[in-house]
Structure formats: C-alpha cells, structure tokens
Amino acid sequence: MTRPAPRRSSRPRTRPRSSPGARGGFLGLSLEHDRGDMARAVLEGIAQSAAEALRAYEAESLAPSRIRAVGGGTKNAVWLQAISDISGYPQEVVGGSGAAQGDAMLAACAVGMTRPDLLDDWVDVQRSVAPRTELAPLYARQSAAYRAFYRATRDIVSDLNELRSHDQ
C-alpha cells in the first residue's frame, strides 16, 4: 500500500506575491516516511509554487501559450512531471545553453537582429512532458492544502523571524 508523502510548502523569491520572510515546512511527516518521501515533497512544494505563479498570470489574462523548461532542473524527470501534473501545463524540454540562450534571444530581438516570430528556429525541443490528467483531482486537493498551510502559518513564521532577528 502506498502511503501519502509529507507535503512541503515553499515560497521562493520569484513568486508573484513576494513573502520574503516565508519559510518551507513539512506537514504530515511521520516515522513511516523516508528521505525519498521528503525529497518528493520538496519537489512538489516547488512545483506548487510554480503553478501558483502560472495562476497569477492566468488571473491577469496572460496565460502562457507554452512553457519551455531549460537548464539543470530538466535533468530531474520527477520534478518536471510534478510541475506539469500540478500546473496542468505541458512543457517542452529544450537543449542548448539554458537561460543564457534565452537572454541572448531576447537581446537579439531588442536590437533588431531577429523577430520574436522567428525564435523557434533557435530552439531545440528535445522532448515534451504532458500533465497526467488522471492525477488532477489529487493535485487539486494538494494545492488547496498547500495554500491553506501557507495562510495558517504565515503569521507564526513572521513572529519566529522577528524573534530570530533579535537574537542576532
């Protein structure tokens, strides 16, 4: 029988509504969980935050037409799959120089060397990661718990951060 993994909540600096004092935590951790469960919870927590950022874009009618994954994170198949499953968005995994190549593409457009509609020629899509729709109900419940955990603990974490700042 599969046991549920502990859940992790995280708030990276890149999320739409910044909470610089926020911290991650594990909820539901028991002696039955192992390092693998905790590692998966970390990956799912980061994926939850990425999905939240995408929802913020959707709320402003700026939903992406596609998502391209680049760099070191693309080497972790579990993480890529979690991002697609939780966000509901497929991802194109591209090769190349990662973010630096994206920067060069934007710069080339800015100085008139190319046009945005021609940038697909610069991209080497190596594979795609599709969301597993059968997991959508599970991740919808997890997303609700993730948001509730953050709301329930943000004041406590803020108080702890304030106490920590007085110790230094």
Foldseek 3Di string as FASTA:
>chain_A
DDDQFWAKADADCPAPDGDPLDDIDTDPDDPVDDPVSVVLNVLLNVLLRVLNRQVVCVVVVNHDPAAEDEDDVVVDPSSQQSNCQLNVGKYFYWDDDGPVVVVVVVVCCVVVVDPPVPCVVVTHRDDMHHHDVVCNVVSVVVSVVNVVVCVVCVVVSVVVVVVVVVVD
